[in-house]
Amino acid sequence: MQALVVIGRDARAVGRAVRSRRAPGVAVAGFVGDDEDAARQMAEEMLGGVDEVVLADESARGRGPRPV
């Protein structure tokens, strides 16, 4: 199973990114804020690991997903 964490300052953008990435075999956790280390740590506890960090807010536009 692939595990993703979506992080961003805009709750709506995070929610949209989480919904758009849900699929069979994909676990997604979303966090509102800008502390990537804390979000990654919480997602690892929830999902058992993180394969990819996705930045979802407007300031991250164009950067795309960041592999772990």
Protein backbone atom coordinates (compact mmCIF):
# COMPACT_ATOMS: atom_id res chain seq x y z
CA MET A 1 0.00 0.00 0.00
CA GLN A 2 1.23 3.47 -0.86
CA ALA A 3 1.06 6.09 1.92
CA LEU A 4 0.89 9.83 1.25
CA VAL A 5 0.72 12.87 3.50
CA VAL A 6 -0.75 16.10 2.15
CA ILE A 7 0.31 19.29 3.91
CA GLY A 8 -0.67 22.90 3.37
CA ARG A 9 -1.90 26.09 5.02
CA ASP A 10 -5.26 26.15 3.23
CA ALA A 11 -7.66 23.55 4.65
CA ARG A 12 -9.77 23.48 1.49
CA ALA A 13 -6.72 22.86 -0.70
CA VAL A 14 -5.56 20.07 1.63
CA GLY A 15 -9.02 18.49 1.56
CA ARG A 16 -9.18 18.63 -2.24
CA ALA A 17 -5.71 17.10 -2.54
CA VAL A 18 -6.58 14.30 -0.12
CA ARG A 19 -9.82 13.49 -1.97
CA SER A 20 -8.14 13.53 -5.36
CA ARG A 21 -5.44 11.08 -4.25
CA ARG A 22 -7.65 8.51 -2.54
CA ALA A 23 -7.72 5.26 -4.46
CA PRO A 24 -7.57 1.53 -3.81
CA GLY A 25 -4.16 0.73 -2.35
CA VAL A 26 -3.44 4.34 -1.38
CA ALA A 27 -3.65 5.66 2.19
CA VAL A 28 -3.75 9.45 2.51
CA ALA A 29 -3.47 11.68 5.58
CA GLY A 30 -3.95 15.45 5.41
CA PHE A 31 -2.55 18.09 7.75
CA VAL A 32 -3.20 21.83 7.82
CA GLY A 33 -0.11 23.84 8.71
CA ASP A 34 3.44 24.28 7.53
CA ASP A 35 5.44 22.03 9.85
CA GLU A 36 6.40 19.26 7.45
CA ASP A 37 8.40 17.34 10.06
CA ALA A 38 5.45 17.19 12.47
CA ALA A 39 3.05 16.22 9.68
CA ARG A 40 5.38 13.48 8.48
CA GLN A 41 5.80 12.12 12.02
CA MET A 42 2.04 12.03 12.66
CA ALA A 43 1.38 10.43 9.27
CA GLU A 44 4.02 7.78 9.91
CA GLU A 45 2.27 6.90 13.18
CA MET A 46 -1.16 6.84 11.49
CA LEU A 47 -0.22 5.11 8.25
CA GLY A 48 2.81 3.05 9.27
CA GLY A 49 5.14 5.01 6.99
CA VAL A 50 5.12 7.74 4.36
CA ASP A 51 6.08 7.23 0.72
CA GLU A 52 5.39 10.76 -0.50
CA VAL A 53 4.78 14.27 0.84
CA VAL A 54 2.41 16.41 -1.23
CA LEU A 55 2.30 20.19 -0.74
CA ALA A 56 -1.24 21.41 -1.32
CA ASP A 57 -1.43 25.12 -0.60
CA GLU A 58 -1.23 28.05 -3.01
CA SER A 59 2.37 28.85 -2.06
CA ALA A 60 3.39 25.33 -3.14
CA ARG A 61 1.82 25.62 -6.61
CA GLY A 62 4.10 24.22 -9.26
CA ARG A 63 6.34 22.29 -6.88
CA GLY A 64 4.37 19.07 -7.13
CA PRO A 65 4.79 15.96 -4.97
CA ARG A 66 8.04 15.36 -3.15
CA PRO A 67 9.15 11.75 -2.80
CA VAL A 68 10.48 10.60 0.56
